[in-house]
Amino acid sequence: RQLPEKEREFVAAIRRVGGGGMTYYQDSVKGRFTISRDSAKNTV
């Protein structure tokens, strides 16, 4: 995410590992945001 005149900052990521995924979050969004993937729809 990015605000005007500020650097882009990391929010969350999902890394494909084997048949599943590992998820990562910025501390400020942990417990509030959830990243997920629907592989059939190629959508995160």
All heavy atoms as atom14 arrays in JSON, in Angstrom:
{
  "sequence": "RQLPEKEREFVAAIRRVGGGGMTYYQDSVKGRFTISRDSAKNTV",
  "atom14_mask": [
    [1, 1, 1, 1, 1, 1, 1, 1, 1, 1, 1, 0, 0, 0],
    [1, 1, 1, 1, 1, 1, 1, 1, 1, 0, 0, 0, 0, 0],
    [1, 1, 1, 1, 1, 1, 1, 1, 0, 0, 0, 0, 0, 0],
    [1, 1, 1, 1, 1, 1, 1, 0, 0, 0, 0, 0, 0, 0],
    [1, 1, 1, 1, 1, 1, 1, 1, 1, 0, 0, 0, 0, 0],
    [1, 1, 1, 1, 1, 1, 1, 1, 1, 0, 0, 0, 0, 0],
    [1, 1, 1, 1, 1, 1, 1, 1, 1, 0, 0, 0, 0, 0],
    [1, 1, 1, 1, 1, 1, 1, 1, 1, 1, 1, 0, 0, 0],
    [1, 1, 1, 1, 1, 1, 1, 1, 1, 0, 0, 0, 0, 0],
    [1, 1, 1, 1, 1, 1, 1, 1, 1, 1, 1, 0, 0, 0],
    [1, 1, 1, 1, 1, 1, 1, 0, 0, 0, 0, 0, 0, 0],
    [1, 1, 1, 1, 1, 0, 0, 0, 0, 0, 0, 0, 0, 0],
    [1, 1, 1, 1, 1, 0, 0, 0, 0, 0, 0, 0, 0, 0],
    [1, 1, 1, 1, 1, 1, 1, 1, 0, 0, 0, 0, 0, 0],
    [1, 1, 1, 1, 1, 1, 1, 1, 1, 1, 1, 0, 0, 0],
    [1, 1, 1, 1, 1, 1, 1, 1, 1, 1, 1, 0, 0, 0],
    [1, 1, 1, 1, 1, 1, 1, 0, 0, 0, 0, 0, 0, 0],
    [1, 1, 1, 1, 0, 0, 0, 0, 0, 0, 0, 0, 0, 0],
    [1, 1, 1, 1, 0, 0, 0, 0, 0, 0, 0, 0, 0, 0],
    [1, 1, 1, 1, 0, 0, 0, 0, 0, 0, 0, 0, 0, 0],
    [1, 1, 1, 1, 0, 0, 0, 0, 0, 0, 0, 0, 0, 0],
    [1, 1, 1, 1, 1, 1, 1, 1, 0, 0, 0, 0, 0, 0],
    [1, 1, 1, 1, 1, 1, 1, 0, 0, 0, 0, 0, 0, 0],
    [1, 1, 1, 1, 1, 1, 1, 1, 1, 1, 1, 1, 0, 0],
    [1, 1, 1, 1, 1, 1, 1, 1, 1, 1, 1, 1, 0, 0],
    [1, 1, 1, 1, 1, 1, 1, 1, 1, 0, 0, 0, 0, 0],
    [1, 1, 1, 1, 1, 1, 1, 1, 0, 0, 0, 0, 0, 0],
    [1, 1, 1, 1, 1, 1, 0, 0, 0, 0, 0, 0, 0, 0],
    [1, 1, 1, 1, 1, 1, 1, 0, 0, 0, 0, 0, 0, 0],
    [1, 1, 1, 1, 1, 1, 1, 1, 1, 0, 0, 0, 0, 0],
    [1, 1, 1, 1, 0, 0, 0, 0, 0, 0, 0, 0, 0, 0],
    [1, 1, 1, 1, 1, 1, 1, 1, 1, 1, 1, 0, 0, 0],
    [1, 1, 1, 1, 1, 1, 1, 1, 1, 1, 1, 0, 0, 0],
    [1, 1, 1, 1, 1, 1, 1, 0, 0, 0, 0, 0, 0, 0],
    [1, 1, 1, 1, 1, 1, 1, 1, 0, 0, 0, 0, 0, 0],
    [1, 1, 1, 1, 1, 1, 0, 0, 0, 0, 0, 0, 0, 0],
    [1, 1, 1, 1, 1, 1, 1, 1, 1, 1, 1, 0, 0, 0],
    [1, 1, 1, 1, 1, 1, 1, 1, 0, 0, 0, 0, 0, 0],
    [1, 1, 1, 1, 1, 1, 0, 0, 0, 0, 0, 0, 0, 0],
    [1, 1, 1, 1, 1, 0, 0, 0, 0, 0, 0, 0, 0, 0],
    [1, 1, 1, 1, 1, 1, 1, 1, 1, 0, 0, 0, 0, 0],
    [1, 1, 1, 1, 1, 1, 1, 1, 0, 0, 0, 0, 0, 0],
    [1, 1, 1, 1, 1, 1, 1, 0, 0, 0, 0, 0, 0, 0],
    [1, 1, 1, 1, 1, 1, 1, 0, 0, 0, 0, 0, 0, 0]
  ],
  "atom14_positions": [
    [[0.85, -1.19, 0.0], [0.0, 0.0, 0.0], [0.88, 1.24, 0.0], [2.04, 1.21, 0.42], [-0.95, 0.01, 1.18], [-0.3, 0.06, 2.55], [-1.34, -0.17, 3.64], [-0.77, -0.1, 4.97], [-1.43, -0.4, 6.09], [-2.7, -0.8, 6.02], [-0.84, -0.3, 7.26], [0.0, 0.0, 0.0], [0.0, 0.0, 0.0], [0.0, 0.0, 0.0]],
    [[0.29, 2.31, -0.48], [1.06, 3.53, -0.63], [0.19, 4.76, -0.45], [-0.92, 4.83, -0.97], [1.72, 3.58, -2.02], [2.7, 4.71, -2.22], [3.48, 4.56, -3.51], [3.04, 3.9, -4.46], [4.66, 5.16, -3.56], [0.0, 0.0, 0.0], [0.0, 0.0, 0.0], [0.0, 0.0, 0.0], [0.0, 0.0, 0.0], [0.0, 0.0, 0.0]],
    [[0.71, 5.71, 0.31], [0.1, 7.01, 0.44], [0.88, 7.99, -0.42], [2.06, 7.78, -0.71], [0.13, 7.47, 1.9], [-0.87, 6.77, 2.83], [-0.59, 7.12, 4.26], [-2.29, 7.15, 2.43], [0.0, 0.0, 0.0], [0.0, 0.0, 0.0], [0.0, 0.0, 0.0], [0.0, 0.0, 0.0], [0.0, 0.0, 0.0], [0.0, 0.0, 0.0]],
    [[0.23, 9.09, -0.84], [0.93, 10.09, -1.65], [2.22, 10.55, -0.98], [2.25, 10.8, 0.23], [-0.07, 11.23, -1.77], [-1.4, 10.57, -1.61], [-1.18, 9.46, -0.63], [0.0, 0.0, 0.0], [0.0, 0.0, 0.0], [0.0, 0.0, 0.0], [0.0, 0.0, 0.0], [0.0, 0.0, 0.0], [0.0, 0.0, 0.0], [0.0, 0.0, 0.0]],
    [[3.29, 10.59, -1.75], [4.6, 11.08, -1.3], [5.21, 10.21, -0.23], [6.13, 10.64, 0.46], [4.51, 12.53, -0.83], [4.02, 13.48, -1.92], [3.99, 14.93, -1.46], [4.39, 15.2, -0.32], [3.56, 15.77, -2.26], [0.0, 0.0, 0.0], [0.0, 0.0, 0.0], [0.0, 0.0, 0.0], [0.0, 0.0, 0.0], [0.0, 0.0, 0.0]],
    [[4.73, 8.98, -0.11], [5.32, 8.04, 0.83], [5.74, 6.79, 0.08], [5.25, 6.49, -1.0], [4.35, 7.69, 1.96], [4.09, 8.82, 2.91], [3.5, 8.32, 4.2], [3.4, 9.44, 5.22], [2.84, 8.97, 6.52], [0.0, 0.0, 0.0], [0.0, 0.0, 0.0], [0.0, 0.0, 0.0], [0.0, 0.0, 0.0], [0.0, 0.0, 0.0]],
    [[6.67, 6.06, 0.68], [7.13, 4.84, 0.04], [6.06, 3.76, 0.12], [5.25, 3.73, 1.05], [8.41, 4.35, 0.73], [9.62, 5.22, 0.43], [10.9, 4.58, 0.94], [10.84, 3.45, 1.44], [11.95, 5.22, 0.81], [0.0, 0.0, 0.0], [0.0, 0.0, 0.0], [0.0, 0.0, 0.0], [0.0, 0.0, 0.0], [0.0, 0.0, 0.0]],
    [[6.11, 2.88, -0.85], [5.19, 1.76, -0.84], [5.59, 0.83, 0.29], [6.77, 0.52, 0.48], [5.29, 1.04, -2.19], [4.18, 0.1, -2.5], [4.19, -0.28, -3.95], [3.85, 0.85, -4.81], [3.69, 0.73, -6.13], [3.84, -0.43, -6.73], [3.39, 1.8, -6.84], [0.0, 0.0, 0.0], [0.0, 0.0, 0.0], [0.0, 0.0, 0.0]],
    [[4.61, 0.37, 1.06], [4.93, -0.49, 2.18], [4.25, -1.85, 2.05], [3.14, -1.96, 1.51], [4.53, 0.16, 3.51], [3.05, 0.33, 3.74], [2.73, 0.79, 5.16], [3.66, 1.14, 5.92], [1.54, 0.8, 5.51], [0.0, 0.0, 0.0], [0.0, 0.0, 0.0], [0.0, 0.0, 0.0], [0.0, 0.0, 0.0], [0.0, 0.0, 0.0]],
    [[4.91, -2.84, 2.58], [4.43, -4.21, 2.54], [3.23, -4.37, 3.46], [3.21, -3.83, 4.57], [5.56, -5.14, 2.97], [5.14, -6.57, 3.19], [4.87, -7.4, 2.12], [5.01, -7.07, 4.47], [4.48, -8.71, 2.32], [4.63, -8.38, 4.68], [4.36, -9.2, 3.6], [0.0, 0.0, 0.0], [0.0, 0.0, 0.0], [0.0, 0.0, 0.0]],
    [[2.25, -5.13, 3.0], [1.08, -5.43, 3.81], [1.02, -6.93, 4.12], [0.95, -7.32, 5.29], [-0.22, -4.98, 3.11], [-1.43, -5.38, 3.94], [-0.2, -3.49, 2.85], [0.0, 0.0, 0.0], [0.0, 0.0, 0.0], [0.0, 0.0, 0.0], [0.0, 0.0, 0.0], [0.0, 0.0, 0.0], [0.0, 0.0, 0.0], [0.0, 0.0, 0.0]],
    [[1.02, -7.74, 3.08], [0.89, -9.18, 3.28], [1.39, -9.9, 2.03], [1.44, -9.32, 0.94], [-0.56, -9.57, 3.55], [0.0, 0.0, 0.0], [0.0, 0.0, 0.0], [0.0, 0.0, 0.0], [0.0, 0.0, 0.0], [0.0, 0.0, 0.0], [0.0, 0.0, 0.0], [0.0, 0.0, 0.0], [0.0, 0.0, 0.0], [0.0, 0.0, 0.0]],
    [[1.73, -11.16, 2.19], [2.15, -11.97, 1.06], [1.8, -13.42, 1.31], [1.68, -13.87, 2.45], [3.66, -11.83, 0.81], [0.0, 0.0, 0.0], [0.0, 0.0, 0.0], [0.0, 0.0, 0.0], [0.0, 0.0, 0.0], [0.0, 0.0, 0.0], [0.0, 0.0, 0.0], [0.0, 0.0, 0.0], [0.0, 0.0, 0.0], [0.0, 0.0, 0.0]],
    [[1.62, -14.14, 0.21], [1.41, -15.57, 0.28], [2.39, -16.22, -0.68], [2.48, -15.85, -1.85], [-0.05, -15.96, -0.04], [-0.27, -17.47, 0.15], [-0.49, -15.49, -1.42], [-1.75, -17.84, 0.24], [0.0, 0.0, 0.0], [0.0, 0.0, 0.0], [0.0, 0.0, 0.0], [0.0, 0.0, 0.0], [0.0, 0.0, 0.0], [0.0, 0.0, 0.0]],
    [[3.15, -17.14, -0.15], [4.24, -17.76, -0.91], [3.87, -19.21, -1.14], [3.6, -19.93, -0.18], [5.54, -17.63, -0.11], [6.8, -18.06, -0.82], [8.02, -17.57, -0.05], [8.14, -18.22, 1.24], [8.93, -19.26, 1.49], [9.66, -19.79, 0.52], [9.0, -19.77, 2.7], [0.0, 0.0, 0.0], [0.0, 0.0, 0.0], [0.0, 0.0, 0.0]],
    [[3.88, -19.58, -2.4], [3.51, -20.95, -2.73], [4.6, -21.91, -2.25], [5.76, -21.77, -2.61], [3.31, -21.12, -4.24], [2.62, -22.42, -4.6], [2.61, -22.62, -6.1], [1.85, -21.6, -6.81], [0.55, -21.66, -7.03], [-0.14, -22.67, -6.59], [-0.06, -20.72, -7.7], [0.0, 0.0, 0.0], [0.0, 0.0, 0.0], [0.0, 0.0, 0.0]],
    [[4.2, -22.86, -1.41], [5.13, -23.85, -0.89], [4.47, -25.21, -1.04], [3.46, -25.49, -0.38], [5.47, -23.59, 0.6], [6.39, -24.68, 1.12], [6.08, -22.22, 0.78], [0.0, 0.0, 0.0], [0.0, 0.0, 0.0], [0.0, 0.0, 0.0], [0.0, 0.0, 0.0], [0.0, 0.0, 0.0], [0.0, 0.0, 0.0], [0.0, 0.0, 0.0]],
    [[5.03, -26.04, -1.92], [4.43, -27.34, -2.18], [3.0, -27.18, -2.66], [2.71, -26.38, -3.54], [0.0, 0.0, 0.0], [0.0, 0.0, 0.0], [0.0, 0.0, 0.0], [0.0, 0.0, 0.0], [0.0, 0.0, 0.0], [0.0, 0.0, 0.0], [0.0, 0.0, 0.0], [0.0, 0.0, 0.0], [0.0, 0.0, 0.0], [0.0, 0.0, 0.0]],
    [[2.08, -27.89, -2.04], [0.69, -27.79, -2.45], [-0.09, -26.71, -1.72], [-1.27, -26.51, -1.99], [0.0, 0.0, 0.0], [0.0, 0.0, 0.0], [0.0, 0.0, 0.0], [0.0, 0.0, 0.0], [0.0, 0.0, 0.0], [0.0, 0.0, 0.0], [0.0, 0.0, 0.0], [0.0, 0.0, 0.0], [0.0, 0.0, 0.0], [0.0, 0.0, 0.0]],
    [[0.58, -26.01, -0.82], [-0.12, -24.99, -0.06], [0.57, -23.65, -0.15], [1.17, -23.34, -1.18], [0.0, 0.0, 0.0], [0.0, 0.0, 0.0], [0.0, 0.0, 0.0], [0.0, 0.0, 0.0], [0.0, 0.0, 0.0], [0.0, 0.0, 0.0], [0.0, 0.0, 0.0], [0.0, 0.0, 0.0], [0.0, 0.0, 0.0], [0.0, 0.0, 0.0]],
    [[0.46, -22.85, 0.9], [1.07, -21.53, 0.89], [1.43, -21.07, 2.28], [0.75, -21.4, 3.24], [0.0, 0.0, 0.0], [0.0, 0.0, 0.0], [0.0, 0.0, 0.0], [0.0, 0.0, 0.0], [0.0, 0.0, 0.0], [0.0, 0.0, 0.0], [0.0, 0.0, 0.0], [0.0, 0.0, 0.0], [0.0, 0.0, 0.0], [0.0, 0.0, 0.0]],
    [[2.5, -20.31, 2.37], [2.9, -19.68, 3.61], [2.47, -18.21, 3.53], [2.61, -17.57, 2.49], [4.41, -19.77, 3.79], [4.94, -21.19, 3.96], [4.47, -21.88, 5.57], [5.47, -20.85, 6.64], [0.0, 0.0, 0.0], [0.0, 0.0, 0.0], [0.0, 0.0, 0.0], [0.0, 0.0, 0.0], [0.0, 0.0, 0.0], [0.0, 0.0, 0.0]],
    [[1.97, -17.68, 4.64], [1.51, -16.3, 4.65], [2.37, -15.43, 5.56], [2.92, -15.92, 6.55], [0.04, -16.22, 5.08], [-0.09, -16.8, 6.39], [-0.86, -16.97, 4.11], [0.0, 0.0, 0.0], [0.0, 0.0, 0.0], [0.0, 0.0, 0.0], [0.0, 0.0, 0.0], [0.0, 0.0, 0.0], [0.0, 0.0, 0.0], [0.0, 0.0, 0.0]],
    [[2.45, -14.17, 5.22], [3.28, -13.21, 5.94], [2.51, -11.89, 6.03], [1.82, -11.51, 5.09], [4.6, -12.99, 5.19], [5.31, -14.27, 4.87], [5.0, -14.99, 3.72], [6.28, -14.78, 5.73], [5.63, -16.19, 3.43], [6.92, -15.98, 5.44], [6.58, -16.67, 4.29], [7.2, -17.87, 4.01], [0.0, 0.0, 0.0], [0.0, 0.0, 0.0]],
    [[2.67, -11.2, 7.16], [1.93, -9.97, 7.38], [2.82, -8.91, 8.02], [3.71, -9.21, 8.82], [0.74, -10.22, 8.3], [-0.26, -11.2, 7.75], [-0.21, -12.55, 8.08], [-1.28, -10.76, 6.9], [-1.12, -13.45, 7.57], [-2.2, -11.67, 6.39], [-2.11, -13.01, 6.73], [-3.01, -13.9, 6.22], [0.0, 0.0, 0.0], [0.0, 0.0, 0.0]],
    [[2.5, -7.68, 7.68], [3.08, -6.56, 8.41], [2.49, -6.58, 9.82], [1.32, -6.93, 10.0], [2.72, -5.25, 7.72], [3.32, -4.01, 8.34], [2.57, -2.74, 7.94], [1.82, -2.21, 8.74], [2.78, -2.25, 6.73], [0.0, 0.0, 0.0], [0.0, 0.0, 0.0], [0.0, 0.0, 0.0], [0.0, 0.0, 0.0], [0.0, 0.0, 0.0]],
    [[3.29, -6.21, 10.79], [2.82, -6.3, 12.18], [1.53, -5.55, 12.43], [0.67, -6.0, 13.19], [3.91, -5.77, 13.12], [5.08, -6.74, 13.27], [4.93, -7.91, 12.88], [6.12, -6.32, 13.78], [0.0, 0.0, 0.0], [0.0, 0.0, 0.0], [0.0, 0.0, 0.0], [0.0, 0.0, 0.0], [0.0, 0.0, 0.0], [0.0, 0.0, 0.0]],
    [[1.35, -4.41, 11.79], [0.18, -3.57, 12.08], [-1.12, -4.17, 11.57], [-2.2, -3.71, 11.95], [0.37, -2.18, 11.48], [0.31, -2.22, 10.07], [0.0, 0.0, 0.0], [0.0, 0.0, 0.0], [0.0, 0.0, 0.0], [0.0, 0.0, 0.0], [0.0, 0.0, 0.0], [0.0, 0.0, 0.0], [0.0, 0.0, 0.0], [0.0, 0.0, 0.0]],
    [[-1.05, -5.17, 10.71], [-2.28, -5.76, 10.17], [-2.51, -7.18, 10.66], [-3.55, -7.78, 10.36], [-2.3, -5.73, 8.62], [-2.02, -4.32, 8.11], [-1.33, -6.73, 8.03], [0.0, 0.0, 0.0], [0.0, 0.0, 0.0], [0.0, 0.0, 0.0], [0.0, 0.0, 0.0], [0.0, 0.0, 0.0], [0.0, 0.0, 0.0], [0.0, 0.0, 0.0]],
    [[-1.57, -7.72, 11.4], [-1.73, -9.09, 11.91], [-2.97, -9.19, 12.77], [-3.24, -8.33, 13.61], [-0.5, -9.5, 12.73], [0.7, -9.88, 11.9], [1.87, -10.29, 12.78], [3.09, -10.63, 11.96], [4.26, -10.94, 12.8], [0.0, 0.0, 0.0], [0.0, 0.0, 0.0], [0.0, 0.0, 0.0], [0.0, 0.0, 0.0], [0.0, 0.0, 0.0]],
    [[-3.73, -10.24, 12.54], [-4.96, -10.43, 13.3], [-6.16, -9.71, 12.71], [-7.3, -9.98, 13.1], [0.0, 0.0, 0.0], [0.0, 0.0, 0.0], [0.0, 0.0, 0.0], [0.0, 0.0, 0.0], [0.0, 0.0, 0.0], [0.0, 0.0, 0.0], [0.0, 0.0, 0.0], [0.0, 0.0, 0.0], [0.0, 0.0, 0.0], [0.0, 0.0, 0.0]],
    [[-5.92, -8.8, 11.78], [-7.02, -8.07, 11.14], [-7.16, -8.41, 9.66], [-8.26, -8.45, 9.13], [-6.81, -6.56, 11.28], [-6.73, -6.07, 12.71], [-6.73, -4.54, 12.77], [-5.58, -3.94, 12.12], [-5.65, -3.06, 11.13], [-6.83, -2.68, 10.67], [-4.55, -2.54, 10.6], [0.0, 0.0, 0.0], [0.0, 0.0, 0.0], [0.0, 0.0, 0.0]],
    [[-6.04, -8.64, 9.0], [-6.04, -8.94, 7.57], [-5.71, -10.41, 7.35], [-4.91, -10.99, 8.08], [-5.0, -8.09, 6.83], [-5.29, -6.62, 6.76], [-6.31, -6.04, 7.48], [-4.54, -5.8, 5.93], [-6.58, -4.68, 7.41], [-4.78, -4.44, 5.83], [-5.81, -3.89, 6.59], [0.0, 0.0, 0.0], [0.0, 0.0, 0.0], [0.0, 0.0, 0.0]],
    [[-6.29, -10.98, 6.3], [-6.0, -12.36, 5.93], [-5.8, -12.44, 4.43], [-6.67, -12.02, 3.66], [-7.14, -13.3, 6.35], [-7.37, -13.2, 7.75], [-6.78, -14.75, 6.0], [0.0, 0.0, 0.0], [0.0, 0.0, 0.0], [0.0, 0.0, 0.0], [0.0, 0.0, 0.0], [0.0, 0.0, 0.0], [0.0, 0.0, 0.0], [0.0, 0.0, 0.0]],
    [[-4.67, -12.99, 4.02], [-4.41, -13.19, 2.61], [-4.66, -14.65, 2.28], [-4.34, -15.55, 3.07], [-2.96, -12.78, 2.24], [-2.76, -12.79, 0.72], [-1.93, -13.64, 2.94], [-1.44, -12.16, 0.26], [0.0, 0.0, 0.0], [0.0, 0.0, 0.0], [0.0, 0.0, 0.0], [0.0, 0.0, 0.0], [0.0, 0.0, 0.0], [0.0, 0.0, 0.0]],
    [[-5.28, -14.88, 1.12], [-5.59, -16.25, 0.72], [-5.55, -16.35, -0.79], [-5.56, -15.34, -1.49], [-6.96, -16.68, 1.25], [-7.98, -15.85, 0.71], [0.0, 0.0, 0.0], [0.0, 0.0, 0.0], [0.0, 0.0, 0.0], [0.0, 0.0, 0.0], [0.0, 0.0, 0.0], [0.0, 0.0, 0.0], [0.0, 0.0, 0.0], [0.0, 0.0, 0.0]],
    [[-5.49, -17.58, -1.25], [-5.4, -17.81, -2.69], [-6.46, -18.81, -3.14], [-6.68, -19.82, -2.47], [-4.01, -18.36, -3.04], [-3.75, -18.55, -4.52], [-2.58, -19.53, -4.77], [-1.4, -19.24, -3.99], [-0.45, -18.4, -4.37], [-0.56, -17.75, -5.52], [0.62, -18.22, -3.62], [0.0, 0.0, 0.0], [0.0, 0.0, 0.0], [0.0, 0.0, 0.0]],
    [[-7.09, -18.54, -4.28], [-7.96, -19.5, -4.94], [-7.25, -19.88, -6.23], [-7.32, -19.14, -7.23], [-9.32, -18.88, -5.22], [-10.3, -19.88, -5.81], [-9.86, -20.86, -6.47], [-11.51, -19.69, -5.65], [0.0, 0.0, 0.0], [0.0, 0.0, 0.0], [0.0, 0.0, 0.0], [0.0, 0.0, 0.0], [0.0, 0.0, 0.0], [0.0, 0.0, 0.0]],
    [[-6.56, -21.0, -6.22], [-5.75, -21.39, -7.38], [-6.6, -21.64, -8.62], [-6.19, -21.35, -9.74], [-4.93, -22.63, -7.05], [-3.99, -22.36, -6.03], [0.0, 0.0, 0.0], [0.0, 0.0, 0.0], [0.0, 0.0, 0.0], [0.0, 0.0, 0.0], [0.0, 0.0, 0.0], [0.0, 0.0, 0.0], [0.0, 0.0, 0.0], [0.0, 0.0, 0.0]],
    [[-7.8, -22.17, -8.42], [-8.67, -22.45, -9.56], [-9.05, -21.18, -10.31], [-9.23, -21.18, -11.53], [-9.92, -23.18, -9.08], [0.0, 0.0, 0.0], [0.0, 0.0, 0.0], [0.0, 0.0, 0.0], [0.0, 0.0, 0.0], [0.0, 0.0, 0.0], [0.0, 0.0, 0.0], [0.0, 0.0, 0.0], [0.0, 0.0, 0.0], [0.0, 0.0, 0.0]],
    [[-9.16, -20.09, -9.56], [-9.51, -18.8, -10.16], [-8.29, -17.93, -10.42], [-8.43, -16.81, -10.92], [-10.5, -18.05, -9.26], [-11.83, -18.74, -9.09], [-12.77, -17.91, -8.23], [-14.13, -18.59, -8.1], [-15.06, -17.82, -7.26], [0.0, 0.0, 0.0], [0.0, 0.0, 0.0], [0.0, 0.0, 0.0], [0.0, 0.0, 0.0], [0.0, 0.0, 0.0]],
    [[-7.12, -18.42, -10.05], [-5.88, -17.64, -10.2], [-6.03, -16.26, -9.55], [-5.62, -15.23, -10.11], [-5.53, -17.49, -11.67], [-4.06, -17.79, -11.93], [-3.36, -18.3, -11.07], [-3.6, -17.48, -13.13], [0.0, 0.0, 0.0], [0.0, 0.0, 0.0], [0.0, 0.0, 0.0], [0.0, 0.0, 0.0], [0.0, 0.0, 0.0], [0.0, 0.0, 0.0]],
    [[-6.61, -16.27, -8.38], [-6.92, -15.02, -7.68], [-6.43, -15.09, -6.24], [-6.55, -16.12, -5.59], [-8.43, -14.75, -7.69], [-8.87, -14.64, -9.06], [-8.77, -13.46, -6.95], [0.0, 0.0, 0.0], [0.0, 0.0, 0.0], [0.0, 0.0, 0.0], [0.0, 0.0, 0.0], [0.0, 0.0, 0.0], [0.0, 0.0, 0.0], [0.0, 0.0, 0.0]],
    [[-5.87, -13.98, -5.79], [-5.46, -13.84, -4.4], [-6.33, -12.77, -3.75], [-6.62, -11.73, -4.37], [-3.97, -13.46, -4.3], [-3.6, -13.07, -2.89], [-3.1, -14.64, -4.76], [0.0, 0.0, 0.0], [0.0, 0.0, 0.0], [0.0, 0.0, 0.0], [0.0, 0.0, 0.0], [0.0, 0.0, 0.0], [0.0, 0.0, 0.0], [0.0, 0.0, 0.0]]
  ]
}
